[in-house]
Every structure is written in structure tokens, then in C-alpha cells.
């Protein structure tokens, strides 16, 4: 029995042939396994339990020897019962020692098949663990049933309905928004926005839409206010700049006409022009206004149906979009929007944050009270979760299998033994006790029926 105890001590203090001494952190190839103070304490506890289990094995061996000696010396029939119990206890102890040791290493260093299970079957165990998790934790039905029992919608509603939680979410969203806008490069965003607007505007013909809009405006009389404004401003300008009009008319007269004739003509032109504009301003039914209405209606119809007019509008659109000033205006819009959003996100009393907070509180109250909305939210979450686990199940389980496959076999064995080895030694102790009781019972029955 001394050889077993020495073998256990050597196996406890070494891993893969390492010498006895303090355990150093695992090498980088050991996938991050390192033995800390807690692991060392567990290993000491395992050693103590191994000593106890081995001591119990030695004790029953001693009892067996003494019982056999006492029986040969004529001590009585009781020695047979004791020897049988001790013998069966040794068998049970040795069998369980072999079983426990075979999990982590080869007993006595012998190349016995199906031993050193953890070091040699590590990758298969990792694959089995991944398959187990995938089948029992990542199936669509399991995820759906679990989420349905949690009632995420109702709980989320109750949580958001608390003003403190709504404030917290608002602050977190604002922080994330500021961070995202800070990380983004203005030049990149401006280029994307400019390209998106230009590409969309270039791809879509605008003439029919403009024609429809103009037709609706004219039909509803919306253009009359523009005409009123134009003629009123024209009247005021003529009143203030009459001399300029007469000078322009006189300056365009032939050189051989008398000056007083030029002034007469200029004065007449000015008065007629002023009268015309005044009548347009004061007479809603003025014929010129009707002419403008007819022109706008015809133009609206041409924008929708006349190929030449539509082509001219498209050419004009392309020329406008191609101008550098327009592109600069589109690009600069992002800077203004970004500055506005950042300022609103930083200000706790800004309209943006107040509206977000109010929306969260309203959503929380509705989620907490409306079962229909709760069902919708729960359904969305269930469908999203089921999609993720069913679509990426292999990727999720491969995280387990690949991680286990990357572990060092010896270090893995030592780590697992440090965590469960103490409980496994109780198996050896129980095997000794149960074996002894079973041997005693079998001997007693054989004596009773066999004479």
C-alpha cells in the first residue's frame, strides 16, 4: 500500500513531469490557466483528503492482516467476519482509487486503456459540452419559453416608469450619442451625406412632382399672396424711384428727339406703369392676375407632361447640384446638425433630453399597463433571441469547444482536480466503507447458509 500513497503524492505535486515545488503561472500556451492562492488552497485540501482516504485504506489493510493472524491463532470465529469486511473494504478502496485517479492521469503511470480521461479526451469533452449547451440551452423553444416566463415587457415597463430609471436611460443615451458624434469624422460624414443627397436627387426626376405641387398651389390660391407681395413691393419701389424710371426712359430715347419730349414720354411711361401696378395691387380680378394664373397652370401642366420642359428642368437640376456652392452647403449642413445635437445632448434641460425622458416615461407606463403592448414587446424579443440562437448556434457553441481545445491538457487536468478532487476522495472513503459493509454482509450470509 505504500507504493499507492507515494504515487498519489507524486501525482499531486507534479503535472506532466514537473518537479515538486511552488506552482508557477501557466505558460501562455496554457490558455490563461494560472494557479492562484485559492487554487493552491484547494490543492492542499485535496492532498489532505487523499491522505485521509489512503490512510483509511492502510487501516483496513492492517485490520485484515491482524484479523487473519488472530484467526490463525485460534482467536475465534469473529475473526472471519472482520477479515472479510477488511478484505472487501480494501477491494472497494482500490477500485475507487483506480477510478478517481484514471480521470486525471494514468494510475501508477501504466498505459492502461481508458485512463487519463480528462487529459486525453479534453477536446471530445469540450465538443460534447458545446453540443449539450446547444441542444439544451440554445434551442429556439427553450429560449422562447424562458423569455415568456420572464415577462420582459411588463418588467421593462415597470422599470422605465420610474422617473429615476428614465433619467438614467436618458443620460446614458445622451452620453452614447455624444460619444458617437465625437468619434465620427466630420469630413467622412459630410462626404456620405453629400453623396447620398446628390445621388438621390439625381436619380429622381423632380419636374412631375414640382408640377403637381404648383398645380395644387394655384388651385388653392396659395400663389395669390406671392403676387400680392410682389405687386405691393413693385408699387412702393416705383413711388420711391420715379426719377430713376423717367431717367431710364429718357436715356433710351434717340439723340435727335428734343429733351422736353423725352421727359414727357418718360413721365407718361412712369404714370402708366404706376397705374398698372396700382390696379394689380388693388384689383383681385385684374386681367393681369388672370394671365398669371393661366401661365402658372400651363407651366404646371408642362412640368408634368411636356418632355421638353421636363428635360430642361432636369438639366437645370444637374447644373445646380454640380455647383460647388451647393455641395458646400450640403456638406456644411452636417456640421450645424452635429453641433445642435451635441449641445442638446449635453444640456440636461434641453428640449431633446426632456422629450426623450417624457417618451421613456410614457412608454414605461404603457408597457406596465397594456397587456397588448407587453405581448408585442415580448414577441419581438422572443423572435429576435430565437433568430440569434438558431442562426448563430454553431458560432456560440464553437466558443466553448474552441476554448476547451486551446487549453493545455495537463493544466486543465490539474485545474479540474483542484476544484472537484476533494469531493472525489470522498468516493474512495465511501468505497472503503461500503465495500467493508458489503463484504461483511456477504460473509455473514455465506456462513448462515453454507454452514
Protein backbone atom coordinates (compact mmCIF):
# COMPACT_ATOMS: atom_id res chain seq x y z
CA UNK A 1 0.00 0.00 0.00
CA UNK A 2 2.96 2.35 0.49
CA UNK A 3 3.51 2.44 -3.28
CA UNK A 4 -0.04 3.75 -3.82
CA UNK A 5 0.45 6.53 -1.29
CA UNK A 6 3.78 7.53 -2.79
CA UNK A 7 2.28 7.53 -6.28
CA UNK A 8 -0.59 9.77 -5.14
CA UNK A 9 1.78 12.21 -3.51
CA UNK A 10 3.94 12.36 -6.63
CA UNK A 11 0.87 12.84 -8.88
CA UNK A 12 -0.47 15.60 -6.61
CA UNK A 13 2.75 17.59 -6.60
CA UNK A 14 3.65 17.21 -10.27
CA UNK A 15 1.93 17.76 -13.60
CA UNK A 16 3.30 16.35 -16.81
CA UNK A 17 6.61 15.52 -15.15
CA UNK A 18 7.10 18.88 -13.37
CA UNK A 19 9.27 18.82 -10.27
CA UNK A 20 7.86 19.27 -6.75
CA UNK A 21 7.74 22.89 -5.65
CA UNK A 22 5.64 26.06 -5.90
CA UNK A 23 3.36 26.10 -8.89
CA UNK A 24 4.21 28.81 -11.40
CA UNK A 25 1.58 30.55 -13.52
CA UNK A 26 0.68 28.68 -16.64
CA UNK A 27 2.55 29.45 -19.79
CA UNK A 28 0.84 31.48 -22.47
CA UNK A 29 0.07 28.29 -24.31
CA UNK A 30 -2.00 27.12 -21.36
CA UNK A 31 -4.83 29.39 -22.45
CA UNK A 32 -4.57 31.66 -19.45
CA UNK A 33 -4.75 28.94 -16.77
CA UNK A 34 -2.84 30.05 -13.70
CA UNK A 35 -2.92 28.78 -10.13
CA UNK A 36 -3.65 31.48 -7.60
CA UNK A 37 -3.87 31.41 -3.84
CA UNK A 38 -7.39 29.96 -3.92
CA UNK A 39 -6.29 27.15 -6.24
CA UNK A 40 -3.33 26.34 -4.01
CA UNK A 41 -5.66 26.17 -1.02
CA UNK A 42 -7.92 23.78 -2.91
CA UNK A 43 -4.94 21.59 -3.84
CA UNK A 44 -3.88 21.43 -0.20
CA UNK A 45 -7.43 20.37 0.71
CA UNK A 46 -7.28 17.67 -1.99
CA UNK A 47 -3.97 16.42 -0.56
CA UNK A 48 -5.47 16.21 2.90
CA UNK A 49 -8.43 14.22 1.63
CA UNK A 50 -6.11 11.93 -0.35
CA UNK A 51 -4.11 11.30 2.81
CA UNK A 52 -7.29 10.52 4.73
CA UNK A 53 -8.59 8.14 2.05
CA UNK A 54 -5.22 6.42 1.72
CA UNK A 55 -4.92 6.22 5.50
CA UNK A 56 -8.30 4.50 5.65
CA UNK A 57 -7.08 2.02 3.01
CA UNK A 58 -3.98 1.31 5.07
CA UNK A 59 -6.11 0.96 8.20
CA UNK A 60 -8.36 -1.73 6.69
CA UNK A 61 -5.24 -3.46 5.35
CA UNK A 62 -3.78 -3.55 8.83
CA UNK A 63 -7.10 -4.79 10.22
CA UNK A 64 -7.17 -7.50 7.59
CA UNK A 65 -3.65 -8.68 8.48
CA UNK A 66 -4.41 -8.66 12.18
CA UNK A 67 -7.73 -10.46 11.70
CA UNK A 68 -6.10 -13.19 9.60
CA UNK A 69 -3.31 -13.54 12.17
CA UNK A 70 -5.82 -13.70 15.02
CA UNK A 71 -7.88 -16.29 13.15
CA UNK A 72 -4.83 -18.50 12.54
CA UNK A 73 -4.01 -18.16 16.26
CA UNK A 74 -7.45 -19.54 17.18
CA UNK A 75 -8.99 -16.31 18.42
CA UNK A 76 -12.47 -17.40 17.35
CA UNK A 77 -14.99 -17.20 14.53
CA UNK A 78 -15.39 -13.44 14.74
CA UNK A 79 -12.03 -13.01 13.04
CA UNK A 80 -13.51 -14.31 9.79
CA UNK A 81 -16.15 -11.60 9.78
CA UNK A 82 -13.56 -8.90 10.45
CA UNK A 83 -11.18 -10.26 7.81
CA UNK A 84 -13.98 -10.45 5.22
CA UNK A 85 -15.07 -6.88 5.91
CA UNK A 86 -11.49 -5.61 5.79
CA UNK A 87 -10.75 -7.53 2.61
CA UNK A 88 -13.84 -6.16 0.82
CA UNK A 89 -13.01 -2.67 2.13
CA UNK A 90 -9.54 -2.92 0.54
CA UNK A 91 -11.04 -4.05 -2.76
CA UNK A 92 -13.55 -1.18 -2.73
CA UNK A 93 -10.88 1.35 -1.80
CA UNK A 94 -8.51 0.18 -4.51
CA UNK A 95 -11.25 0.08 -7.15
CA UNK A 96 -12.37 3.62 -6.33
CA UNK A 97 -8.76 4.83 -6.16
CA UNK A 98 -8.24 3.48 -9.65
CA UNK A 99 -11.47 5.07 -10.92
CA UNK A 100 -10.74 8.50 -9.42
CA UNK A 101 -7.10 8.50 -10.49
CA UNK A 102 -8.00 7.39 -14.02
CA UNK A 103 -9.94 10.60 -14.51
CA UNK A 104 -6.82 12.76 -14.30
CA UNK A 105 -3.81 10.55 -15.02
CA UNK A 106 -2.63 7.01 -15.67
CA UNK A 107 -2.63 5.01 -12.38
CA UNK A 108 0.90 4.10 -11.38
CA UNK A 109 1.99 5.51 -14.76
CA UNK A 110 0.80 2.35 -16.53
CA UNK A 111 -0.59 2.75 -20.09
CA UNK A 112 -3.95 1.20 -19.21
CA UNK A 113 -6.67 1.84 -21.82
CA UNK A 114 -9.38 4.38 -20.94
CA UNK A 115 -7.37 6.12 -18.26
CA UNK A 116 -6.24 9.76 -18.00
CA UNK A 117 -9.71 10.61 -19.31
CA UNK A 118 -9.57 14.40 -18.93
CA UNK A 119 -6.11 15.00 -20.49
CA UNK A 120 -6.68 12.61 -23.42
CA UNK A 121 -10.36 13.31 -24.03
CA UNK A 122 -10.27 17.06 -23.37
CA UNK A 123 -11.26 18.05 -26.90
CA UNK A 124 -14.04 15.46 -27.08
CA UNK A 125 -15.35 16.65 -23.70
CA UNK A 126 -15.32 20.24 -24.98
CA UNK A 127 -17.24 19.17 -28.09
CA UNK A 128 -19.74 17.24 -26.01
CA UNK A 129 -20.16 20.21 -23.68
CA UNK A 130 -20.74 22.51 -26.64
CA UNK A 131 -23.31 20.12 -28.12
CA UNK A 132 -25.04 19.83 -24.76
CA UNK A 133 -25.28 23.59 -24.38
CA UNK A 134 -26.51 23.98 -27.95
CA UNK A 135 -29.19 21.33 -27.63
CA UNK A 136 -30.45 22.20 -24.15
CA UNK A 137 -29.84 25.94 -23.77
CA UNK A 138 -29.72 27.38 -27.30
CA UNK A 139 -32.76 25.77 -28.85
CA UNK A 140 -35.49 28.09 -30.06
CA UNK A 141 -38.20 26.55 -27.90
CA UNK A 142 -36.11 26.74 -24.72
CA UNK A 143 -35.21 30.38 -25.32
CA UNK A 144 -38.79 31.32 -26.20
CA UNK A 145 -40.22 29.53 -23.15
CA UNK A 146 -37.68 31.12 -20.82
CA UNK A 147 -38.25 34.65 -22.13
CA UNK A 148 -42.02 34.19 -21.96
CA UNK A 149 -41.79 33.17 -18.31
CA UNK A 150 -39.67 36.22 -17.51
CA UNK A 151 -42.27 38.67 -18.91
CA UNK A 152 -39.66 41.13 -20.13
CA UNK A 153 -42.21 43.63 -21.45
CA UNK A 154 -44.02 44.06 -18.15
CA UNK A 155 -40.82 44.25 -16.13
CA UNK A 156 -39.25 46.69 -18.55
CA UNK A 157 -42.36 48.86 -18.41
CA UNK A 158 -42.33 48.96 -14.63
CA UNK A 159 -38.64 49.80 -14.63
CA UNK A 160 -38.93 52.59 -17.20
CA UNK A 161 -41.98 54.07 -15.44
CA UNK A 162 -39.70 55.01 -12.54
CA UNK A 163 -38.50 58.61 -13.15
CA UNK A 164 -35.07 57.78 -11.74
CA UNK A 165 -34.60 54.98 -14.25
CA UNK A 166 -35.89 57.14 -17.10
CA UNK A 167 -33.35 59.81 -16.12
CA UNK A 168 -30.61 57.20 -16.08
CA UNK A 169 -31.51 55.85 -19.52
CA UNK A 170 -31.74 59.39 -20.91
CA UNK A 171 -28.30 60.22 -19.52
CA UNK A 172 -26.79 57.01 -20.92
CA UNK A 173 -28.33 57.60 -24.34
CA UNK A 174 -27.06 61.18 -24.34
CA UNK A 175 -23.57 60.04 -23.39
CA UNK A 176 -23.55 57.39 -26.11
CA UNK A 177 -24.84 59.89 -28.65
CA UNK A 178 -22.17 62.44 -27.76
CA UNK A 179 -19.51 59.75 -27.92
CA UNK A 180 -20.66 58.55 -31.33
CA UNK A 181 -20.78 62.07 -32.74
CA UNK A 182 -17.34 62.80 -31.29
CA UNK A 183 -15.79 59.69 -32.83
CA UNK A 184 -17.26 60.32 -36.28
CA UNK A 185 -15.05 62.37 -38.58
CA UNK A 186 -16.89 65.36 -39.99
CA UNK A 187 -15.26 65.02 -43.38
CA UNK A 188 -16.39 61.40 -43.72
CA UNK A 189 -19.96 62.12 -42.66
CA UNK A 190 -20.15 65.20 -44.87
CA UNK A 191 -18.95 63.19 -47.84
CA UNK A 192 -21.52 60.46 -47.19
CA UNK A 193 -24.37 62.92 -46.64
CA UNK A 194 -23.44 64.94 -49.70
CA UNK A 195 -23.17 61.87 -51.87
CA UNK A 196 -26.46 60.45 -50.58
CA UNK A 197 -28.38 63.68 -51.18
CA UNK A 198 -26.81 64.26 -54.59
CA UNK A 199 -27.31 60.66 -55.71
CA UNK A 200 -30.93 60.59 -54.56
CA UNK A 201 -31.71 63.95 -56.15
CA UNK A 202 -30.03 62.93 -59.40
CA UNK A 203 -31.82 59.60 -59.56
CA UNK A 204 -35.30 61.01 -59.10
CA UNK A 205 -37.00 63.26 -61.67
CA UNK A 206 -38.33 66.36 -59.94
CA UNK A 207 -40.33 68.04 -62.73
CA UNK A 208 -43.55 65.99 -62.31
CA UNK A 209 -43.52 66.50 -58.57
CA UNK A 210 -42.96 70.23 -58.95
CA UNK A 211 -45.77 70.37 -61.50
CA UNK A 212 -48.19 68.61 -59.20
CA UNK A 213 -47.24 70.87 -56.32
CA UNK A 214 -47.58 74.03 -58.43
CA UNK A 215 -50.95 72.87 -59.76
CA UNK A 216 -52.22 72.33 -56.24
CA UNK A 217 -50.93 75.70 -55.05
CA UNK A 218 -52.61 77.52 -57.93
CA UNK A 219 -55.86 75.60 -57.45
CA UNK A 220 -55.95 76.54 -53.77
CA UNK A 221 -54.96 80.16 -54.49
CA UNK A 222 -51.79 79.92 -52.49
CA UNK A 223 -49.84 81.88 -55.11
CA UNK A 224 -52.01 84.98 -54.71
CA UNK A 225 -50.15 86.01 -51.59
CA UNK A 226 -46.90 85.92 -53.52
CA UNK A 227 -48.42 88.03 -56.31
CA UNK A 228 -49.81 90.47 -53.71
CA UNK A 229 -46.38 90.79 -52.15
CA UNK A 230 -44.64 91.33 -55.49
CA UNK A 231 -47.01 93.99 -56.82
CA UNK A 232 -47.08 95.80 -53.45
CA UNK A 233 -43.30 95.95 -53.37
CA UNK A 234 -43.23 97.00 -57.04
CA UNK A 235 -45.69 99.83 -56.31
CA UNK A 236 -43.64 101.07 -53.35
CA UNK A 237 -40.47 100.93 -55.39
CA UNK A 238 -42.00 102.91 -58.25
CA UNK A 239 -43.24 105.56 -55.84
CA UNK A 240 -39.80 105.93 -54.31
CA UNK A 241 -37.80 105.70 -57.56
CA UNK A 242 -39.91 107.60 -60.11
CA UNK A 243 -36.97 109.71 -61.19
CA UNK A 244 -34.96 106.62 -61.92
CA UNK A 245 -37.68 105.26 -64.21
CA UNK A 246 -38.04 108.53 -66.12
CA UNK A 247 -34.26 108.83 -66.42
CA UNK A 248 -34.03 105.29 -67.80
CA UNK A 249 -36.76 106.03 -70.38
CA UNK A 250 -35.20 109.35 -71.39
CA UNK A 251 -31.76 107.78 -71.66
CA UNK A 252 -33.06 105.24 -74.14
CA UNK A 253 -34.59 107.85 -76.48
CA UNK A 254 -32.89 108.76 -79.80
CA UNK A 255 -30.42 111.63 -79.65
CA UNK A 256 -32.24 113.73 -82.19
CA UNK A 257 -35.51 113.99 -80.12
CA UNK A 258 -35.95 117.17 -78.07
CA UNK A 259 -35.24 116.83 -74.35
CA UNK A 260 -38.69 118.04 -73.28
CA UNK A 261 -40.24 115.33 -75.47
CA UNK A 262 -38.09 112.71 -73.74
CA UNK A 263 -39.25 113.99 -70.37
CA UNK A 264 -42.86 113.91 -71.48
CA UNK A 265 -42.50 110.36 -72.74
CA UNK A 266 -40.73 109.29 -69.58
CA UNK A 267 -43.34 110.87 -67.37
CA UNK A 268 -46.10 109.21 -69.37
CA UNK A 269 -44.45 105.78 -69.19
CA UNK A 270 -43.92 106.14 -65.47
CA UNK A 271 -47.52 107.12 -64.78
CA UNK A 272 -48.88 104.26 -66.91
CA UNK A 273 -46.60 101.77 -65.21
CA UNK A 274 -47.56 103.07 -61.77
CA UNK A 275 -51.25 102.94 -62.69
CA UNK A 276 -50.90 99.36 -63.95
CA UNK A 277 -49.16 98.18 -60.81
CA UNK A 278 -51.60 100.02 -58.57
CA UNK A 279 -54.57 98.43 -60.31
CA UNK A 280 -52.99 94.99 -59.99
CA UNK A 281 -52.45 95.63 -56.31
CA UNK A 282 -55.97 96.84 -55.62
CA UNK A 283 -57.99 94.66 -58.02
CA UNK A 284 -58.05 90.91 -57.22
CA UNK A 285 -59.83 90.34 -60.56
CA UNK A 286 -57.31 92.27 -62.63
CA UNK A 287 -56.76 90.71 -66.07
CA UNK A 288 -53.00 90.52 -65.45
CA UNK A 289 -53.62 88.39 -62.39
CA UNK A 290 -55.76 86.07 -64.51
CA UNK A 291 -52.93 85.90 -67.06
CA UNK A 292 -50.51 84.93 -64.27
CA UNK A 293 -52.91 82.20 -63.12
CA UNK A 294 -53.18 80.82 -66.66
CA UNK A 295 -49.42 80.93 -67.09
CA UNK A 296 -48.83 79.05 -63.85
CA UNK A 297 -51.45 76.43 -64.67
CA UNK A 298 -49.96 75.90 -68.12
CA UNK A 299 -46.48 75.70 -66.65
CA UNK A 300 -47.62 73.16 -64.07
CA UNK A 301 -49.14 71.07 -66.85
CA UNK A 302 -45.95 71.30 -68.91
CA UNK A 303 -43.87 70.20 -65.92
CA UNK A 304 -45.95 67.05 -65.68
CA UNK A 305 -46.48 66.18 -69.32
CA UNK A 306 -44.22 68.13 -71.68
CA UNK A 307 -40.98 66.15 -72.38
CA UNK A 308 -39.02 69.24 -73.40
CA UNK A 309 -39.94 71.18 -70.26
CA UNK A 310 -39.13 68.19 -68.06
CA UNK A 311 -35.78 67.73 -69.77
CA UNK A 312 -34.91 71.40 -69.27
CA UNK A 313 -35.78 71.14 -65.57
CA UNK A 314 -33.56 68.06 -65.23
CA UNK A 315 -30.66 69.84 -66.90
CA UNK A 316 -31.15 72.80 -64.59
CA UNK A 317 -31.22 70.46 -61.60
CA UNK A 318 -27.97 68.81 -62.65
CA UNK A 319 -26.30 72.18 -63.13
CA UNK A 320 -27.43 73.36 -59.70
CA UNK A 321 -26.32 70.18 -57.93
CA UNK A 322 -22.97 70.29 -59.68
CA UNK A 323 -22.11 73.74 -58.43
CA UNK A 324 -19.51 73.86 -55.68
CA UNK A 325 -21.56 76.28 -53.60
CA UNK A 326 -24.44 73.79 -53.42
CA UNK A 327 -22.13 70.91 -52.45
CA UNK A 328 -20.53 73.06 -49.77
CA UNK A 329 -23.98 73.95 -48.45
CA UNK A 330 -24.99 70.28 -48.27
CA UNK A 331 -21.74 69.35 -46.52
CA UNK A 332 -21.94 72.21 -44.05
CA UNK A 333 -25.44 71.14 -43.03
CA UNK A 334 -23.91 68.20 -41.13
CA UNK A 335 -21.76 70.49 -39.01
CA UNK A 336 -24.79 72.51 -37.97
CA UNK A 337 -26.84 69.43 -37.20
CA UNK A 338 -23.98 67.84 -35.24
CA UNK A 339 -23.37 70.94 -33.14
CA UNK A 340 -27.08 71.24 -32.40
CA UNK A 341 -27.39 67.59 -31.34
CA UNK A 342 -24.24 67.66 -29.16
CA UNK A 343 -25.39 70.84 -27.42
CA UNK A 344 -28.84 69.35 -26.80
CA UNK A 345 -27.36 66.09 -25.51
CA UNK A 346 -25.09 67.92 -23.04
CA UNK A 347 -27.83 70.18 -21.67
CA UNK A 348 -29.94 68.33 -19.10
CA UNK A 349 -32.81 70.79 -19.62
CA UNK A 350 -32.68 70.76 -23.42
CA UNK A 351 -35.84 70.07 -25.35
CA UNK A 352 -34.28 66.94 -26.83
CA UNK A 353 -33.49 65.33 -23.47
CA UNK A 354 -36.80 66.39 -21.96
CA UNK A 355 -38.67 64.85 -24.87
CA UNK A 356 -36.64 61.63 -24.66
CA UNK A 357 -37.30 61.41 -20.92
CA UNK A 358 -41.02 62.05 -21.39
CA UNK A 359 -41.16 59.43 -24.16
CA UNK A 360 -39.45 56.84 -21.94
CA UNK A 361 -41.81 57.52 -19.04
CA UNK A 362 -44.81 57.28 -21.34
CA UNK A 363 -43.51 54.05 -22.86
CA UNK A 364 -42.87 52.63 -19.40
CA UNK A 365 -46.38 53.42 -18.17
CA UNK A 366 -47.94 51.93 -21.29
CA UNK A 367 -45.80 48.79 -21.08
CA UNK A 368 -46.68 48.34 -17.42
CA UNK A 369 -50.42 48.72 -18.03
CA UNK A 370 -51.22 47.45 -21.53
CA UNK A 371 -51.09 43.70 -21.97
CA UNK A 372 -51.34 44.01 -25.74
CA UNK A 373 -48.21 46.16 -25.90
CA UNK A 374 -46.44 43.81 -23.49
CA UNK A 375 -47.27 40.93 -25.81
CA UNK A 376 -45.86 42.79 -28.79
CA UNK A 377 -42.60 43.62 -27.00
CA UNK A 378 -42.26 40.07 -25.68
CA UNK A 379 -42.91 38.71 -29.17
CA UNK A 380 -40.28 40.97 -30.72
CA UNK A 381 -37.71 39.99 -28.10
CA UNK A 382 -38.53 36.29 -28.40
CA UNK A 383 -38.28 36.36 -32.19
CA UNK A 384 -35.01 38.29 -32.07
CA UNK A 385 -33.49 35.96 -29.46
CA UNK A 386 -34.66 32.83 -31.28
CA UNK A 387 -33.23 34.15 -34.54
CA UNK A 388 -29.86 34.81 -32.91
CA UNK A 389 -29.56 31.44 -31.15
CA UNK A 390 -30.78 29.43 -34.12
CA UNK A 391 -28.75 31.31 -36.71
CA UNK A 392 -25.54 31.59 -34.70
CA UNK A 393 -25.84 28.45 -32.55
CA UNK A 394 -22.76 26.89 -34.13
CA UNK A 395 -20.72 30.07 -33.60
CA UNK A 396 -21.82 30.28 -29.96
CA UNK A 397 -21.08 26.65 -29.15
CA UNK A 398 -17.78 26.83 -31.03
CA UNK A 399 -16.71 29.39 -28.44
CA UNK A 400 -16.91 26.59 -25.87
CA UNK A 401 -15.31 23.89 -28.00
CA UNK A 402 -12.53 26.13 -29.33
CA UNK A 403 -11.77 27.47 -25.87
CA UNK A 404 -11.53 23.98 -24.38
CA UNK A 405 -9.44 22.83 -27.32
CA UNK A 406 -6.98 25.65 -26.65
CA UNK A 407 -6.44 24.64 -23.03
CA UNK A 408 -3.27 22.81 -22.05
CA UNK A 409 -4.19 19.21 -21.18
CA UNK A 410 -2.01 18.91 -18.06
CA UNK A 411 -3.03 22.30 -16.72
CA UNK A 412 -6.69 21.55 -17.39
CA UNK A 413 -6.44 18.29 -15.50
CA UNK A 414 -4.78 19.98 -12.52
CA UNK A 415 -7.29 22.81 -12.51
CA UNK A 416 -10.31 20.47 -12.54
CA UNK A 417 -8.77 18.23 -9.91
CA UNK A 418 -8.16 21.22 -7.65
CA UNK A 419 -11.85 22.11 -7.86
CA UNK A 420 -13.52 18.68 -7.57
CA UNK A 421 -10.72 16.42 -6.27
CA UNK A 422 -11.72 16.81 -2.62
CA UNK A 423 -15.23 15.53 -3.31
CA UNK A 424 -13.83 12.67 -5.39
CA UNK A 425 -11.75 11.49 -2.43
CA UNK A 426 -14.99 11.01 -0.51
CA UNK A 427 -15.85 8.45 -3.17
CA UNK A 428 -12.75 6.49 -2.13
CA UNK A 429 -13.73 6.75 1.54
CA UNK A 430 -17.29 5.69 0.77
CA UNK A 431 -15.99 2.85 -1.38
CA UNK A 432 -13.91 1.59 1.54
CA UNK A 433 -16.79 1.75 3.98
CA UNK A 434 -19.44 0.39 1.61
CA UNK A 435 -17.06 -2.35 0.45
CA UNK A 436 -16.39 -3.38 4.02
CA UNK A 437 -20.12 -3.50 4.85
CA UNK A 438 -20.87 -5.42 1.67
CA UNK A 439 -18.06 -7.91 2.38
CA UNK A 440 -19.32 -8.37 5.92
CA UNK A 441 -22.86 -8.97 4.71
CA UNK A 442 -21.78 -11.42 2.02
CA UNK A 443 -19.60 -13.35 4.51
CA UNK A 444 -22.40 -13.42 7.05
CA UNK A 445 -24.92 -14.74 4.50
CA UNK A 446 -22.49 -17.36 3.26
CA UNK A 447 -21.85 -18.51 6.81
CA UNK A 448 -25.54 -18.63 7.60
CA UNK A 449 -26.48 -20.69 4.53
CA UNK A 450 -23.25 -22.54 3.98
CA UNK A 451 -22.79 -23.83 7.41
